[in-house]
N, C-alpha and C. Protein backbone atom coordinates (compact mmCIF):
# COMPACT_ATOMS: atom_id res chain seq x y z
N MET A 1 0.85 -1.17 -0.02
CA MET A 1 0.06 -0.01 0.05
C MET A 1 0.85 1.24 0.03
N ASP A 2 0.37 2.35 -0.43
CA ASP A 2 1.07 3.54 -0.47
C ASP A 2 0.14 4.62 -0.03
N GLY A 3 -0.03 4.68 1.28
CA GLY A 3 -0.96 5.74 1.80
C GLY A 3 -0.48 6.29 3.19
N TYR A 4 -1.24 7.22 3.65
CA TYR A 4 -1.00 7.91 4.83
C TYR A 4 -0.86 7.01 6.09
N TYR A 5 -1.69 5.97 6.08
CA TYR A 5 -1.78 5.07 7.28
C TYR A 5 -0.94 3.86 7.24
N ASP A 6 -0.07 3.76 6.21
CA ASP A 6 0.83 2.59 6.07
C ASP A 6 1.81 2.59 7.34
N PRO A 7 2.12 1.38 7.81
CA PRO A 7 3.08 1.36 8.93
C PRO A 7 4.45 1.76 8.51
N ILE A 8 5.17 2.52 9.38
CA ILE A 8 6.45 2.89 9.11
C ILE A 8 7.38 2.05 10.05
N VAL A 9 8.22 1.34 9.35
CA VAL A 9 9.16 0.48 10.18
C VAL A 9 10.22 1.29 10.83
N THR A 10 10.28 1.35 12.10
CA THR A 10 11.25 2.08 12.84
C THR A 10 12.35 1.30 13.43
N HIS A 11 12.22 -0.04 13.37
CA HIS A 11 13.25 -0.98 13.92
C HIS A 11 13.38 -2.13 12.97
N VAL A 12 14.59 -2.68 12.86
CA VAL A 12 14.84 -3.92 12.10
C VAL A 12 15.46 -4.87 13.03
N LEU A 13 15.03 -6.13 12.97
CA LEU A 13 15.61 -7.18 13.86
C LEU A 13 16.72 -7.97 13.17
N SER A 14 17.73 -8.27 13.91
CA SER A 14 18.82 -9.10 13.40
C SER A 14 18.50 -10.51 13.40
N LYS A 15 17.44 -10.96 14.24
CA LYS A 15 16.95 -12.29 14.25
C LYS A 15 15.51 -12.15 14.84
N PRO A 16 14.66 -13.21 14.60
CA PRO A 16 13.26 -13.11 15.13
C PRO A 16 13.19 -12.84 16.60
N LEU A 17 12.20 -12.10 17.12
CA LEU A 17 11.97 -11.89 18.53
C LEU A 17 10.87 -12.69 18.97
N ALA A 18 11.11 -13.72 19.79
CA ALA A 18 10.03 -14.59 20.32
C ALA A 18 9.71 -14.23 21.78
N LEU A 19 8.37 -14.12 22.03
CA LEU A 19 7.90 -13.77 23.37
C LEU A 19 7.30 -15.00 23.99
N CYS A 20 7.63 -15.26 25.23
CA CYS A 20 6.92 -16.35 25.96
C CYS A 20 6.49 -15.92 27.28
N GLY A 21 5.54 -16.59 27.84
CA GLY A 21 4.97 -16.29 29.12
C GLY A 21 3.85 -17.20 29.49
N PHE A 22 3.32 -17.01 30.68
CA PHE A 22 2.23 -17.88 31.21
C PHE A 22 0.87 -17.54 30.55
N TRP A 23 -0.03 -18.52 30.61
CA TRP A 23 -1.37 -18.24 30.19
C TRP A 23 -1.91 -17.05 30.99
N GLY A 24 -2.48 -16.09 30.30
CA GLY A 24 -2.99 -14.90 31.00
C GLY A 24 -2.02 -13.80 31.06
N ALA A 25 -0.78 -13.96 30.55
CA ALA A 25 0.26 -12.91 30.57
C ALA A 25 0.12 -11.92 29.47
N SER A 26 -0.80 -12.13 28.58
CA SER A 26 -1.13 -11.24 27.43
C SER A 26 0.00 -11.11 26.47
N ILE A 27 0.67 -12.22 26.22
CA ILE A 27 1.82 -12.29 25.27
C ILE A 27 1.41 -11.89 23.87
N PRO A 28 0.24 -12.28 23.29
CA PRO A 28 -0.13 -11.84 21.95
C PRO A 28 -0.47 -10.32 21.97
N ASP A 29 -1.00 -9.78 23.05
CA ASP A 29 -1.24 -8.35 23.06
C ASP A 29 0.10 -7.60 23.14
N ILE A 30 1.07 -8.06 23.84
CA ILE A 30 2.36 -7.44 23.99
C ILE A 30 2.93 -7.47 22.60
N GLY A 31 2.99 -8.57 21.86
CA GLY A 31 3.46 -8.62 20.54
C GLY A 31 2.83 -7.71 19.55
N ALA A 32 1.49 -7.56 19.63
CA ALA A 32 0.76 -6.66 18.83
C ALA A 32 1.16 -5.22 19.11
N TYR A 33 1.36 -4.82 20.36
CA TYR A 33 1.78 -3.50 20.67
C TYR A 33 3.20 -3.23 20.13
N ILE A 34 4.09 -4.20 20.32
CA ILE A 34 5.48 -4.07 19.73
C ILE A 34 5.38 -3.78 18.22
N SER A 35 4.52 -4.50 17.57
CA SER A 35 4.40 -4.43 16.17
C SER A 35 3.85 -3.05 15.80
N GLY A 36 2.84 -2.61 16.52
CA GLY A 36 2.31 -1.23 16.30
C GLY A 36 3.30 -0.19 16.50
N TYR A 37 4.11 -0.34 17.54
CA TYR A 37 5.13 0.77 17.80
C TYR A 37 6.30 0.82 16.83
N THR A 38 6.70 -0.40 16.37
CA THR A 38 7.89 -0.46 15.55
C THR A 38 7.70 -0.70 14.10
N GLY A 39 6.44 -1.18 13.72
CA GLY A 39 6.19 -1.51 12.27
C GLY A 39 6.73 -2.91 11.89
N ILE A 40 7.25 -3.60 12.85
CA ILE A 40 7.77 -5.04 12.56
C ILE A 40 6.51 -5.93 12.54
N SER A 41 6.52 -6.87 11.61
CA SER A 41 5.33 -7.77 11.50
C SER A 41 5.27 -8.62 12.75
N PHE A 42 4.03 -9.03 13.05
CA PHE A 42 3.75 -9.85 14.25
C PHE A 42 3.03 -11.09 13.93
N VAL A 43 3.44 -12.25 14.52
CA VAL A 43 2.76 -13.57 14.25
C VAL A 43 2.36 -14.13 15.66
N ASP A 44 1.15 -14.47 15.76
CA ASP A 44 0.69 -15.20 16.96
C ASP A 44 0.76 -16.72 16.57
N LEU A 45 1.70 -17.42 17.15
CA LEU A 45 1.99 -18.79 16.69
C LEU A 45 0.79 -19.66 16.94
N GLU A 46 0.03 -19.41 18.01
CA GLU A 46 -1.20 -20.23 18.19
C GLU A 46 -2.21 -20.05 17.09
N ARG A 47 -2.40 -18.80 16.76
CA ARG A 47 -3.36 -18.56 15.58
C ARG A 47 -2.82 -19.15 14.31
N LYS A 48 -1.57 -19.01 14.04
CA LYS A 48 -0.92 -19.62 12.86
C LYS A 48 -1.17 -21.12 12.78
N ILE A 49 -1.02 -21.81 13.87
CA ILE A 49 -1.23 -23.26 13.97
C ILE A 49 -2.76 -23.52 13.69
N GLU A 50 -3.61 -22.78 14.32
CA GLU A 50 -5.09 -22.95 14.13
C GLU A 50 -5.51 -22.76 12.68
N HIS A 51 -4.89 -21.72 11.99
CA HIS A 51 -5.22 -21.55 10.65
C HIS A 51 -4.70 -22.72 9.77
N HIS A 52 -3.60 -23.20 10.07
CA HIS A 52 -3.03 -24.30 9.34
C HIS A 52 -3.94 -25.65 9.51
N LEU A 53 -4.41 -25.83 10.76
CA LEU A 53 -5.24 -26.97 11.08
C LEU A 53 -6.63 -26.85 10.64
N GLY A 54 -7.06 -25.60 10.56
CA GLY A 54 -8.49 -25.31 10.19
C GLY A 54 -9.47 -25.27 11.22
N ARG A 55 -9.02 -25.35 12.49
CA ARG A 55 -10.00 -25.23 13.65
C ARG A 55 -9.20 -24.92 14.87
N SER A 56 -9.91 -24.68 15.92
CA SER A 56 -9.33 -24.29 17.24
C SER A 56 -8.43 -25.45 17.78
N LEU A 57 -7.44 -25.12 18.54
CA LEU A 57 -6.49 -26.13 19.06
C LEU A 57 -7.29 -27.00 20.13
N LYS A 58 -8.38 -26.53 20.74
CA LYS A 58 -9.16 -27.26 21.64
C LYS A 58 -9.56 -28.56 20.98
N HIS A 59 -9.80 -28.57 19.71
CA HIS A 59 -10.34 -29.80 19.00
C HIS A 59 -9.20 -30.80 18.89
N TYR A 60 -7.98 -30.40 19.08
CA TYR A 60 -6.80 -31.28 18.94
C TYR A 60 -6.14 -31.55 20.26
N ASN A 61 -6.80 -31.18 21.30
CA ASN A 61 -6.20 -31.36 22.69
C ASN A 61 -5.84 -32.77 22.96
N SER A 62 -6.60 -33.81 22.43
CA SER A 62 -6.24 -35.21 22.63
C SER A 62 -5.20 -35.66 21.68
N ASN A 63 -4.84 -34.85 20.68
CA ASN A 63 -3.84 -35.23 19.72
C ASN A 63 -2.76 -34.21 19.62
N LYS A 64 -2.07 -34.03 20.72
CA LYS A 64 -1.08 -32.91 20.78
C LYS A 64 0.13 -33.10 19.88
N THR A 65 0.32 -34.31 19.40
CA THR A 65 1.43 -34.57 18.42
C THR A 65 1.14 -33.79 17.10
N LYS A 66 -0.05 -33.62 16.73
CA LYS A 66 -0.38 -32.91 15.48
C LYS A 66 -0.11 -31.44 15.66
N ILE A 67 -0.47 -30.96 16.88
CA ILE A 67 -0.15 -29.52 17.15
C ILE A 67 1.34 -29.29 17.16
N ILE A 68 2.07 -30.14 17.77
CA ILE A 68 3.51 -30.01 17.90
C ILE A 68 4.18 -30.12 16.48
N ALA A 69 3.65 -30.97 15.70
CA ALA A 69 4.24 -31.12 14.31
C ALA A 69 4.10 -29.83 13.49
N VAL A 70 2.86 -29.27 13.57
CA VAL A 70 2.63 -28.01 12.86
C VAL A 70 3.45 -26.90 13.48
N GLU A 71 3.57 -26.88 14.75
CA GLU A 71 4.34 -25.85 15.45
C GLU A 71 5.84 -25.83 15.04
N ARG A 72 6.38 -27.08 14.92
CA ARG A 72 7.80 -27.21 14.54
C ARG A 72 8.02 -26.59 13.12
N VAL A 73 7.09 -27.01 12.21
CA VAL A 73 7.19 -26.48 10.86
C VAL A 73 7.02 -24.98 10.79
N SER A 74 6.05 -24.48 11.58
CA SER A 74 5.87 -23.00 11.62
C SER A 74 7.05 -22.26 12.14
N LEU A 75 7.69 -22.78 13.18
CA LEU A 75 8.80 -22.14 13.77
C LEU A 75 10.02 -22.16 12.81
N GLU A 76 10.15 -23.29 12.11
CA GLU A 76 11.26 -23.33 11.06
C GLU A 76 11.00 -22.27 9.98
N GLN A 77 9.81 -22.14 9.54
CA GLN A 77 9.50 -21.12 8.53
C GLN A 77 9.71 -19.78 9.04
N LEU A 78 9.24 -19.48 10.23
CA LEU A 78 9.36 -18.06 10.80
C LEU A 78 10.86 -17.73 11.11
N SER A 79 11.69 -18.79 11.40
CA SER A 79 13.06 -18.54 11.63
C SER A 79 13.81 -18.10 10.37
N ARG A 80 13.32 -18.51 9.18
CA ARG A 80 13.97 -18.18 7.88
C ARG A 80 13.30 -17.02 7.18
N GLN A 81 12.16 -16.64 7.58
CA GLN A 81 11.39 -15.55 6.90
C GLN A 81 12.02 -14.21 7.26
N THR A 82 12.34 -13.48 6.19
CA THR A 82 12.86 -12.14 6.41
C THR A 82 11.95 -11.07 5.69
N PRO A 83 11.80 -9.89 6.24
CA PRO A 83 12.36 -9.47 7.46
C PRO A 83 11.80 -10.19 8.64
N TYR A 84 12.58 -10.29 9.71
CA TYR A 84 12.22 -11.06 10.84
C TYR A 84 11.03 -10.45 11.56
N SER A 85 10.28 -11.29 12.24
CA SER A 85 8.98 -10.93 12.91
C SER A 85 9.16 -11.03 14.45
N VAL A 86 8.16 -10.45 15.07
CA VAL A 86 7.89 -10.65 16.48
C VAL A 86 6.88 -11.79 16.55
N ILE A 87 7.22 -12.79 17.38
CA ILE A 87 6.43 -14.01 17.47
C ILE A 87 5.98 -14.27 18.87
N ALA A 88 4.63 -14.43 19.04
CA ALA A 88 4.08 -14.83 20.33
C ALA A 88 3.98 -16.30 20.36
N LEU A 89 4.81 -16.94 21.26
CA LEU A 89 4.83 -18.37 21.39
C LEU A 89 3.59 -18.88 22.24
N ARG A 90 3.22 -20.14 21.98
CA ARG A 90 2.21 -20.73 22.95
C ARG A 90 2.96 -20.93 24.21
N PRO A 91 2.36 -20.94 25.38
CA PRO A 91 3.07 -21.26 26.65
C PRO A 91 3.73 -22.66 26.62
N GLU A 92 3.12 -23.59 25.91
CA GLU A 92 3.68 -24.94 25.83
C GLU A 92 4.75 -25.15 24.85
N THR A 93 5.06 -24.18 24.00
CA THR A 93 6.05 -24.31 22.89
C THR A 93 7.35 -24.88 23.34
N LEU A 94 7.86 -24.36 24.48
CA LEU A 94 9.22 -24.73 24.90
C LEU A 94 9.21 -26.03 25.61
N PHE A 95 8.05 -26.73 25.86
CA PHE A 95 8.10 -28.01 26.43
C PHE A 95 8.63 -29.17 25.39
N ASP A 96 8.47 -28.84 24.17
CA ASP A 96 8.92 -29.72 23.03
C ASP A 96 10.42 -29.42 22.83
N PRO A 97 11.32 -30.37 23.01
CA PRO A 97 12.74 -30.13 22.84
C PRO A 97 13.13 -29.65 21.43
N LYS A 98 12.50 -30.12 20.44
CA LYS A 98 12.78 -29.63 19.06
C LYS A 98 12.35 -28.04 18.90
N CYS A 99 11.19 -27.81 19.41
CA CYS A 99 10.76 -26.43 19.34
C CYS A 99 11.69 -25.48 20.14
N ALA A 100 12.04 -25.95 21.32
CA ALA A 100 12.93 -25.16 22.25
C ALA A 100 14.29 -24.96 21.51
N SER A 101 14.81 -26.04 20.87
CA SER A 101 16.04 -25.94 20.13
C SER A 101 16.01 -24.87 19.01
N ILE A 102 14.89 -24.82 18.24
CA ILE A 102 14.75 -23.94 17.15
C ILE A 102 14.83 -22.55 17.72
N VAL A 103 13.91 -22.29 18.79
CA VAL A 103 13.87 -21.02 19.36
C VAL A 103 15.13 -20.52 19.95
N GLN A 104 15.81 -21.43 20.66
CA GLN A 104 17.03 -21.07 21.39
C GLN A 104 18.15 -20.77 20.35
N SER A 105 18.22 -21.49 19.24
CA SER A 105 19.35 -21.33 18.34
C SER A 105 19.21 -20.18 17.39
N VAL A 106 18.01 -19.79 17.08
CA VAL A 106 17.92 -18.76 16.03
C VAL A 106 17.06 -17.54 16.34
N MET A 107 16.49 -17.54 17.58
CA MET A 107 15.59 -16.34 17.97
C MET A 107 16.06 -15.63 19.23
N ASN A 108 15.72 -14.48 19.38
CA ASN A 108 15.98 -13.74 20.58
C ASN A 108 14.71 -13.95 21.45
N LEU A 109 14.84 -14.72 22.48
CA LEU A 109 13.71 -15.14 23.33
C LEU A 109 13.54 -14.26 24.59
N VAL A 110 12.34 -13.68 24.76
CA VAL A 110 12.05 -12.85 25.92
C VAL A 110 10.94 -13.50 26.73
N PHE A 111 11.23 -13.68 27.99
CA PHE A 111 10.24 -14.24 28.88
C PHE A 111 9.59 -13.06 29.65
N VAL A 112 8.28 -12.88 29.50
CA VAL A 112 7.56 -11.78 30.18
C VAL A 112 6.94 -12.46 31.41
N ASP A 113 7.62 -12.21 32.56
CA ASP A 113 7.23 -12.85 33.84
C ASP A 113 6.14 -12.01 34.50
N VAL A 114 5.13 -12.63 34.91
CA VAL A 114 4.06 -11.91 35.62
C VAL A 114 3.99 -12.60 37.02
N GLN A 115 3.88 -11.79 38.00
CA GLN A 115 3.88 -12.26 39.36
C GLN A 115 2.51 -13.11 39.66
N PRO A 116 2.60 -14.01 40.58
CA PRO A 116 1.40 -14.89 40.73
C PRO A 116 0.20 -14.16 41.14
N GLU A 117 0.22 -13.06 41.93
CA GLU A 117 -0.91 -12.29 42.26
C GLU A 117 -1.55 -11.63 41.04
N GLN A 118 -0.77 -11.06 40.22
CA GLN A 118 -1.25 -10.40 38.97
C GLN A 118 -1.81 -11.50 38.11
N LEU A 119 -1.14 -12.58 37.96
CA LEU A 119 -1.60 -13.65 37.14
C LEU A 119 -2.96 -14.20 37.60
N GLN A 120 -3.10 -14.29 38.85
CA GLN A 120 -4.37 -14.77 39.49
C GLN A 120 -5.54 -13.84 39.05
N LYS A 121 -5.30 -12.60 39.07
CA LYS A 121 -6.36 -11.57 38.72
C LYS A 121 -6.68 -11.67 37.25
N ARG A 122 -5.63 -11.79 36.42
CA ARG A 122 -5.95 -11.97 34.96
C ARG A 122 -6.60 -13.25 34.67
N LEU A 123 -6.16 -14.32 35.30
CA LEU A 123 -6.82 -15.61 35.04
C LEU A 123 -8.29 -15.61 35.42
N GLU A 124 -8.55 -14.95 36.58
CA GLU A 124 -9.95 -14.85 37.04
C GLU A 124 -10.82 -14.22 35.95
N THR A 125 -10.37 -13.10 35.42
CA THR A 125 -11.09 -12.40 34.38
C THR A 125 -11.18 -13.23 33.15
N LEU A 126 -10.16 -13.81 32.70
CA LEU A 126 -10.17 -14.66 31.46
C LEU A 126 -11.03 -15.88 31.59
N MET A 127 -10.91 -16.54 32.75
CA MET A 127 -11.65 -17.80 32.91
C MET A 127 -13.17 -17.50 32.94
N GLN A 128 -13.48 -16.36 33.56
CA GLN A 128 -14.90 -16.00 33.60
C GLN A 128 -15.48 -15.48 32.20
N THR A 129 -14.70 -14.87 31.41
CA THR A 129 -15.18 -14.34 30.13
C THR A 129 -14.93 -15.22 28.93
N GLN A 130 -13.91 -16.06 29.00
CA GLN A 130 -13.60 -16.91 27.83
C GLN A 130 -13.56 -18.43 28.14
N LYS A 131 -14.36 -18.78 29.13
CA LYS A 131 -14.39 -20.26 29.52
C LYS A 131 -14.58 -21.08 28.31
N ASN A 132 -13.80 -22.16 28.30
CA ASN A 132 -14.01 -23.22 27.21
C ASN A 132 -13.54 -22.61 25.79
N ASN A 133 -12.76 -21.60 25.79
CA ASN A 133 -12.36 -21.05 24.57
C ASN A 133 -10.79 -21.34 24.50
N ARG A 134 -9.93 -20.34 24.49
CA ARG A 134 -8.51 -20.46 24.42
C ARG A 134 -7.88 -21.18 25.62
N PHE A 135 -8.54 -21.13 26.76
CA PHE A 135 -7.83 -21.57 27.99
C PHE A 135 -8.33 -22.94 28.45
N PHE A 136 -8.59 -23.83 27.47
CA PHE A 136 -8.92 -25.19 27.76
C PHE A 136 -7.87 -25.91 28.59
N GLU A 137 -6.64 -25.48 28.36
CA GLU A 137 -5.57 -26.11 29.14
C GLU A 137 -5.65 -25.92 30.63
N LEU A 138 -6.40 -24.83 31.01
CA LEU A 138 -6.53 -24.44 32.39
C LEU A 138 -7.76 -24.93 33.01
N ASP A 139 -8.58 -25.80 32.37
CA ASP A 139 -9.92 -26.18 32.88
C ASP A 139 -9.83 -26.82 34.22
N ASP A 140 -8.78 -27.50 34.54
CA ASP A 140 -8.73 -28.21 35.82
C ASP A 140 -8.03 -27.39 36.90
N LEU A 141 -7.67 -26.16 36.59
CA LEU A 141 -6.89 -25.29 37.50
C LEU A 141 -7.91 -24.51 38.35
N ASP A 142 -7.69 -24.44 39.70
CA ASP A 142 -8.50 -23.62 40.49
C ASP A 142 -7.82 -22.28 40.57
N TRP A 143 -8.27 -21.31 39.84
CA TRP A 143 -7.57 -19.96 39.72
C TRP A 143 -7.70 -19.21 40.95
N ARG A 144 -8.57 -19.63 41.88
CA ARG A 144 -8.78 -18.92 43.19
C ARG A 144 -7.67 -19.23 44.16
N ASP A 145 -6.95 -20.37 43.93
CA ASP A 145 -5.91 -20.76 44.86
C ASP A 145 -4.56 -20.41 44.37
N LEU A 146 -3.93 -19.46 44.99
CA LEU A 146 -2.69 -18.86 44.64
C LEU A 146 -1.57 -19.89 44.70
N GLN A 147 -1.63 -20.81 45.62
CA GLN A 147 -0.58 -21.90 45.73
C GLN A 147 -0.77 -22.81 44.55
N GLU A 148 -1.90 -23.15 44.11
CA GLU A 148 -2.13 -24.06 42.99
C GLU A 148 -1.64 -23.45 41.74
N ILE A 149 -1.89 -22.14 41.56
CA ILE A 149 -1.45 -21.42 40.37
C ILE A 149 0.14 -21.41 40.34
N THR A 150 0.74 -21.16 41.42
CA THR A 150 2.21 -21.10 41.55
C THR A 150 2.82 -22.52 41.23
N ALA A 151 2.14 -23.54 41.77
CA ALA A 151 2.70 -24.92 41.54
C ALA A 151 2.42 -25.28 40.05
N TYR A 152 1.31 -24.94 39.52
CA TYR A 152 0.94 -25.36 38.14
C TYR A 152 1.96 -24.71 37.12
N PHE A 153 2.32 -23.45 37.37
CA PHE A 153 3.18 -22.79 36.40
C PHE A 153 4.70 -22.96 36.71
N SER A 154 5.03 -23.76 37.76
CA SER A 154 6.45 -23.96 38.05
C SER A 154 7.17 -24.71 36.83
N SER A 155 6.54 -25.61 36.17
CA SER A 155 7.13 -26.33 35.05
C SER A 155 7.31 -25.35 33.82
N TYR A 156 6.31 -24.39 33.75
CA TYR A 156 6.48 -23.35 32.63
C TYR A 156 7.68 -22.46 32.96
N ARG A 157 7.74 -22.03 34.22
CA ARG A 157 8.84 -21.13 34.64
C ARG A 157 10.24 -21.83 34.31
N GLN A 158 10.31 -23.09 34.65
CA GLN A 158 11.54 -23.84 34.33
C GLN A 158 11.85 -23.83 32.83
N ALA A 159 10.84 -24.11 32.02
CA ALA A 159 11.00 -24.09 30.56
C ALA A 159 11.43 -22.75 30.03
N PHE A 160 10.94 -21.69 30.67
CA PHE A 160 11.28 -20.29 30.23
C PHE A 160 12.71 -19.83 30.64
N GLN A 161 13.40 -20.66 31.37
CA GLN A 161 14.78 -20.33 31.83
C GLN A 161 15.73 -20.14 30.67
N ILE A 162 15.43 -20.75 29.51
CA ILE A 162 16.32 -20.60 28.37
C ILE A 162 16.22 -19.20 27.67
N ALA A 163 15.42 -18.42 28.22
CA ALA A 163 15.15 -17.00 27.62
C ALA A 163 16.47 -16.17 27.70
N ASN A 164 16.70 -15.43 26.61
CA ASN A 164 17.84 -14.46 26.61
C ASN A 164 17.58 -13.31 27.52
N HIS A 165 16.27 -12.92 27.68
CA HIS A 165 15.92 -11.76 28.58
C HIS A 165 14.66 -12.18 29.27
N THR A 166 14.55 -11.69 30.52
CA THR A 166 13.40 -11.79 31.33
C THR A 166 12.85 -10.37 31.66
N ILE A 167 11.60 -10.08 31.38
CA ILE A 167 11.07 -8.81 31.67
C ILE A 167 9.92 -8.99 32.69
N VAL A 168 10.04 -8.20 33.77
CA VAL A 168 8.99 -8.20 34.80
C VAL A 168 8.32 -6.86 34.70
N PRO A 169 7.17 -6.75 33.97
CA PRO A 169 6.61 -5.44 33.73
C PRO A 169 6.33 -4.68 35.05
N GLU A 170 6.70 -3.38 35.04
CA GLU A 170 6.41 -2.61 36.25
C GLU A 170 4.95 -2.23 36.34
N LYS A 171 4.35 -1.97 35.14
CA LYS A 171 2.99 -1.67 35.15
C LYS A 171 2.10 -2.79 34.54
N ASN A 172 0.88 -2.99 34.99
CA ASN A 172 0.05 -4.11 34.64
C ASN A 172 -0.74 -3.85 33.39
N HIS A 173 -0.11 -3.60 32.28
CA HIS A 173 -0.83 -3.44 31.00
C HIS A 173 0.19 -3.89 29.86
N PRO A 174 -0.38 -4.58 28.82
CA PRO A 174 0.57 -5.03 27.75
C PRO A 174 1.35 -3.91 27.08
N ARG A 175 0.82 -2.72 26.92
CA ARG A 175 1.51 -1.67 26.22
C ARG A 175 2.78 -1.27 27.01
N TYR A 176 2.73 -1.28 28.32
CA TYR A 176 3.92 -0.95 29.12
C TYR A 176 4.97 -2.05 29.00
N ALA A 177 4.44 -3.32 28.99
CA ALA A 177 5.42 -4.43 28.86
C ALA A 177 6.03 -4.38 27.47
N ALA A 178 5.32 -3.97 26.43
CA ALA A 178 5.86 -3.79 25.10
C ALA A 178 6.93 -2.77 25.05
N HIS A 179 6.72 -1.71 25.76
CA HIS A 179 7.80 -0.65 25.78
C HIS A 179 9.11 -1.22 26.46
N GLU A 180 8.90 -2.01 27.55
CA GLU A 180 9.99 -2.59 28.22
C GLU A 180 10.79 -3.58 27.29
N VAL A 181 10.07 -4.38 26.58
CA VAL A 181 10.67 -5.32 25.62
C VAL A 181 11.51 -4.56 24.56
N ILE A 182 10.88 -3.52 24.08
CA ILE A 182 11.59 -2.64 23.02
C ILE A 182 12.80 -2.06 23.61
N ASP A 183 12.70 -1.43 24.76
CA ASP A 183 13.90 -0.88 25.42
C ASP A 183 14.95 -1.84 25.73
N THR A 184 14.62 -3.11 26.05
CA THR A 184 15.60 -4.17 26.41
C THR A 184 16.18 -4.79 25.14
N CYS A 185 15.45 -5.04 24.10
CA CYS A 185 15.93 -5.87 22.97
C CYS A 185 16.23 -5.13 21.71
N MET A 186 15.86 -3.83 21.60
CA MET A 186 16.08 -3.22 20.30
C MET A 186 16.93 -1.99 20.42
């Protein structure tokens, strides 16, 4: 397009920027804000997988190998696609050793860490408004129990240890976290 409202690219990445975080950490929103501020393209990996499969990931919950296979191919494609993008990973992406290897070897990985109390508030809102939608992975989680939330996400926290950068947003809104990622990584 050639118009007044075309995005202006203000930053160029030397390699893809991958964002990871817990369910409810607003990782896709943070990626969208980064894209809006910098003009760099943004990819929500979960949505990309769903488009490839033709339906919601919830329908493939019993067949996670299909999700992981598409995820691996998508990460390979995104790692070679230039100009590089900002990529919002699924929280479970780094549980797969092959996906973790792709991300770790060719991407700049940022873990957006949200404290358990903030996460509990976000999960409460999300579980009440989007039940049985994106958050099917959390159906068995009692989001009212802070200890259960902390225990549930401990395996995620361990997987996120491979991140090049960890951001703990000072303010509780994705746009502020996006500014912190930009300040740290670009």
